[in-house]
Amino acid sequence: MEIKVEIPQYDKNSGLSTHWEYGFEINVKESNDGLVVLANKAGLISLAIQLLTLAQEGVPRGSHFHYDDSNSLEGGSRALVIQKK
């Protein structure tokens, strides 16, 4: 099975943009081993797109996506920040 995705191009004037696949579900829970990201197929594809967006040339260090249960994650999820080093 092949998955094709479109990566939103970074624009220094408008900043990062992203895309969410229809029906995405993402939950971040704490376990004894650390944080666990639980996601359906659409959620995993959405996260992959956002990781690739951050990886683009020209995206400045410190750029990030912030997720919490008020923004993209399921209720009760732990907050998650993915940041470019």
N, C-alpha and C. Protein backbone atom coordinates (compact mmCIF):
# COMPACT_ATOMS: atom_id res chain seq x y z
N MET A 1 0.84 -1.18 0.00
CA MET A 1 0.00 0.00 0.00
C MET A 1 0.88 1.24 0.00
N GLU A 2 0.62 2.12 -0.90
CA GLU A 2 1.38 3.35 -1.02
C GLU A 2 0.56 4.51 -0.45
N ILE A 3 1.22 5.34 0.33
CA ILE A 3 0.57 6.53 0.88
C ILE A 3 1.26 7.74 0.29
N LYS A 4 0.48 8.61 -0.33
CA LYS A 4 1.02 9.84 -0.89
C LYS A 4 0.48 11.01 -0.07
N VAL A 5 1.39 11.92 0.27
CA VAL A 5 0.97 13.09 1.05
C VAL A 5 1.53 14.35 0.40
N GLU A 6 0.85 15.45 0.64
CA GLU A 6 1.31 16.75 0.18
C GLU A 6 1.81 17.50 1.40
N ILE A 7 3.03 18.00 1.32
CA ILE A 7 3.63 18.73 2.43
C ILE A 7 3.41 20.22 2.21
N PRO A 8 2.72 20.89 3.14
CA PRO A 8 2.53 22.34 2.99
C PRO A 8 3.89 23.04 2.98
N GLN A 9 4.10 23.90 2.02
CA GLN A 9 5.37 24.61 1.92
C GLN A 9 5.45 25.71 2.97
N TYR A 10 6.61 25.82 3.59
CA TYR A 10 6.85 26.85 4.59
C TYR A 10 6.97 28.21 3.90
N ASP A 11 6.34 29.20 4.47
CA ASP A 11 6.43 30.57 3.97
C ASP A 11 6.82 31.45 5.14
N LYS A 12 7.96 32.13 5.03
CA LYS A 12 8.44 32.92 6.17
C LYS A 12 7.49 34.05 6.53
N ASN A 13 6.66 34.50 5.60
CA ASN A 13 5.71 35.57 5.90
C ASN A 13 4.47 35.09 6.63
N SER A 14 4.00 33.89 6.30
CA SER A 14 2.79 33.38 6.95
C SER A 14 3.08 32.29 7.96
N GLY A 15 4.31 31.81 8.02
CA GLY A 15 4.69 30.79 9.01
C GLY A 15 4.30 29.39 8.59
N LEU A 16 4.21 28.52 9.58
CA LEU A 16 3.88 27.12 9.33
C LEU A 16 2.39 26.97 9.02
N SER A 17 2.09 26.08 8.13
CA SER A 17 0.70 25.68 7.92
C SER A 17 0.68 24.16 7.96
N THR A 18 -0.48 23.62 8.17
CA THR A 18 -0.56 22.18 8.30
C THR A 18 -1.84 21.65 7.67
N HIS A 19 -1.93 20.37 7.63
CA HIS A 19 -3.09 19.69 7.07
C HIS A 19 -3.45 18.53 8.00
N TRP A 20 -4.72 18.39 8.25
CA TRP A 20 -5.22 17.26 9.03
C TRP A 20 -6.03 16.35 8.11
N GLU A 21 -5.73 15.07 8.13
CA GLU A 21 -6.49 14.09 7.36
C GLU A 21 -7.89 13.96 7.97
N TYR A 22 -8.88 13.78 7.12
CA TYR A 22 -10.26 13.63 7.57
C TYR A 22 -10.37 12.46 8.54
N GLY A 23 -11.02 12.70 9.67
CA GLY A 23 -11.29 11.64 10.64
C GLY A 23 -10.14 11.32 11.57
N PHE A 24 -9.13 12.20 11.64
CA PHE A 24 -7.97 11.91 12.48
C PHE A 24 -8.36 11.82 13.95
N GLU A 25 -7.69 10.92 14.66
CA GLU A 25 -7.85 10.78 16.11
C GLU A 25 -6.46 10.58 16.69
N ILE A 26 -6.12 11.42 17.66
CA ILE A 26 -4.81 11.33 18.31
C ILE A 26 -5.01 11.53 19.81
N ASN A 27 -4.39 10.67 20.59
CA ASN A 27 -4.45 10.75 22.03
C ASN A 27 -3.03 10.57 22.56
N VAL A 28 -2.64 11.37 23.52
CA VAL A 28 -1.32 11.26 24.15
C VAL A 28 -1.55 10.93 25.61
N LYS A 29 -1.01 9.80 26.03
CA LYS A 29 -1.18 9.34 27.41
C LYS A 29 0.19 9.13 28.05
N GLU A 30 0.20 9.27 29.37
CA GLU A 30 1.43 9.01 30.12
C GLU A 30 1.38 7.57 30.61
N SER A 31 2.53 6.88 30.49
CA SER A 31 2.63 5.52 31.01
C SER A 31 3.90 5.45 31.86
N ASN A 32 4.16 4.30 32.42
CA ASN A 32 5.37 4.12 33.23
C ASN A 32 6.63 4.33 32.40
N ASP A 33 6.54 4.10 31.10
CA ASP A 33 7.70 4.21 30.22
C ASP A 33 7.84 5.59 29.60
N GLY A 34 6.88 6.50 29.80
CA GLY A 34 6.93 7.83 29.19
C GLY A 34 5.60 8.18 28.57
N LEU A 35 5.65 8.94 27.49
CA LEU A 35 4.43 9.30 26.78
C LEU A 35 4.16 8.32 25.66
N VAL A 36 2.89 8.02 25.45
CA VAL A 36 2.47 7.13 24.36
C VAL A 36 1.53 7.92 23.46
N VAL A 37 1.82 7.93 22.17
CA VAL A 37 0.96 8.57 21.19
C VAL A 37 0.12 7.48 20.54
N LEU A 38 -1.19 7.57 20.72
CA LEU A 38 -2.12 6.61 20.13
C LEU A 38 -2.88 7.32 19.03
N ALA A 39 -2.85 6.77 17.83
CA ALA A 39 -3.51 7.45 16.71
C ALA A 39 -4.04 6.43 15.71
N ASN A 40 -5.15 6.82 15.07
CA ASN A 40 -5.64 5.99 13.97
C ASN A 40 -4.83 6.33 12.72
N LYS A 41 -5.15 5.68 11.61
CA LYS A 41 -4.39 5.88 10.37
C LYS A 41 -4.36 7.35 9.97
N ALA A 42 -5.51 8.03 9.99
CA ALA A 42 -5.56 9.44 9.61
C ALA A 42 -4.73 10.30 10.56
N GLY A 43 -4.72 9.95 11.83
CA GLY A 43 -3.92 10.68 12.81
C GLY A 43 -2.43 10.51 12.56
N LEU A 44 -2.01 9.29 12.26
CA LEU A 44 -0.59 9.04 11.98
C LEU A 44 -0.14 9.77 10.72
N ILE A 45 -0.96 9.76 9.69
CA ILE A 45 -0.62 10.48 8.46
C ILE A 45 -0.54 11.98 8.74
N SER A 46 -1.47 12.51 9.52
CA SER A 46 -1.46 13.93 9.86
C SER A 46 -0.19 14.30 10.61
N LEU A 47 0.21 13.48 11.59
CA LEU A 47 1.45 13.76 12.33
C LEU A 47 2.66 13.67 11.41
N ALA A 48 2.67 12.72 10.49
CA ALA A 48 3.79 12.59 9.55
C ALA A 48 3.91 13.84 8.68
N ILE A 49 2.80 14.36 8.22
CA ILE A 49 2.82 15.58 7.41
C ILE A 49 3.41 16.73 8.22
N GLN A 50 3.02 16.84 9.48
CA GLN A 50 3.52 17.93 10.30
C GLN A 50 5.00 17.78 10.61
N LEU A 51 5.47 16.57 10.82
CA LEU A 51 6.89 16.34 11.03
C LEU A 51 7.69 16.72 9.78
N LEU A 52 7.20 16.32 8.61
CA LEU A 52 7.87 16.66 7.36
C LEU A 52 7.82 18.16 7.09
N THR A 53 6.75 18.81 7.50
CA THR A 53 6.65 20.27 7.36
C THR A 53 7.75 20.94 8.17
N LEU A 54 7.95 20.51 9.41
CA LEU A 54 9.00 21.08 10.25
C LEU A 54 10.40 20.79 9.70
N ALA A 55 10.57 19.68 9.01
CA ALA A 55 11.88 19.26 8.51
C ALA A 55 12.35 20.04 7.28
N GLN A 56 11.48 20.83 6.68
CA GLN A 56 11.84 21.56 5.47
C GLN A 56 12.99 22.54 5.70
N GLU A 57 13.78 22.72 4.64
CA GLU A 57 14.79 23.77 4.65
C GLU A 57 14.08 25.09 4.81
N GLY A 58 14.65 25.99 5.54
CA GLY A 58 14.08 27.31 5.70
C GLY A 58 13.19 27.46 6.92
N VAL A 59 12.70 26.35 7.47
CA VAL A 59 11.91 26.44 8.70
C VAL A 59 12.88 26.72 9.84
N PRO A 60 12.71 27.84 10.53
CA PRO A 60 13.67 28.21 11.56
C PRO A 60 13.65 27.29 12.78
N ARG A 61 14.81 27.20 13.43
CA ARG A 61 14.89 26.48 14.70
C ARG A 61 13.90 27.09 15.67
N GLY A 62 13.32 26.27 16.49
CA GLY A 62 12.35 26.74 17.47
C GLY A 62 10.92 26.71 16.96
N SER A 63 10.74 26.57 15.64
CA SER A 63 9.38 26.44 15.10
C SER A 63 8.77 25.17 15.68
N HIS A 64 7.49 25.21 15.95
CA HIS A 64 6.88 24.06 16.60
C HIS A 64 5.39 23.97 16.34
N PHE A 65 4.88 22.79 16.62
CA PHE A 65 3.44 22.53 16.66
C PHE A 65 3.12 22.15 18.10
N HIS A 66 2.07 22.76 18.63
CA HIS A 66 1.63 22.48 20.00
C HIS A 66 0.26 21.83 19.92
N TYR A 67 0.13 20.70 20.59
CA TYR A 67 -1.12 19.96 20.60
C TYR A 67 -1.59 19.78 22.04
N ASP A 68 -2.88 19.90 22.27
CA ASP A 68 -3.46 19.56 23.56
C ASP A 68 -4.93 19.19 23.34
N ASP A 69 -5.62 18.90 24.44
CA ASP A 69 -7.00 18.42 24.26
C ASP A 69 -7.97 19.54 23.87
N SER A 70 -7.48 20.78 23.81
CA SER A 70 -8.29 21.87 23.27
C SER A 70 -7.91 22.16 21.82
N ASN A 71 -6.83 21.52 21.36
CA ASN A 71 -6.29 21.78 20.03
C ASN A 71 -5.77 20.47 19.42
N SER A 72 -6.62 19.74 18.77
CA SER A 72 -6.25 18.59 17.95
C SER A 72 -6.22 17.24 18.64
N LEU A 73 -6.03 17.19 19.94
CA LEU A 73 -5.98 15.89 20.62
C LEU A 73 -7.32 15.56 21.26
N GLU A 74 -7.53 14.28 21.49
CA GLU A 74 -8.76 13.82 22.13
C GLU A 74 -8.80 14.30 23.58
N GLY A 75 -10.00 14.41 24.12
CA GLY A 75 -10.18 14.83 25.50
C GLY A 75 -9.36 13.98 26.46
N GLY A 76 -8.79 14.62 27.45
CA GLY A 76 -7.99 13.92 28.45
C GLY A 76 -6.56 13.65 28.05
N SER A 77 -6.18 14.07 26.84
CA SER A 77 -4.80 13.85 26.37
C SER A 77 -3.82 14.76 27.10
N ARG A 78 -2.60 14.30 27.21
CA ARG A 78 -1.50 15.14 27.70
C ARG A 78 -1.10 16.08 26.57
N ALA A 79 -0.58 17.24 26.93
CA ALA A 79 -0.08 18.17 25.91
C ALA A 79 1.17 17.59 25.25
N LEU A 80 1.38 17.97 24.00
CA LEU A 80 2.55 17.51 23.24
C LEU A 80 3.04 18.66 22.39
N VAL A 81 4.35 18.90 22.41
CA VAL A 81 4.97 19.92 21.56
C VAL A 81 6.03 19.21 20.73
N ILE A 82 5.99 19.44 19.42
CA ILE A 82 7.04 18.93 18.53
C ILE A 82 7.73 20.17 17.96
N GLN A 83 9.04 20.28 18.23
CA GLN A 83 9.80 21.48 17.91
C GLN A 83 11.03 21.15 17.09
N LYS A 84 11.38 22.02 16.15
CA LYS A 84 12.59 21.86 15.35
C LYS A 84 13.79 22.33 16.14
N LYS A 85 14.80 21.51 16.19
CA LYS A 85 16.04 21.82 16.92
C LYS A 85 16.99 22.60 16.04
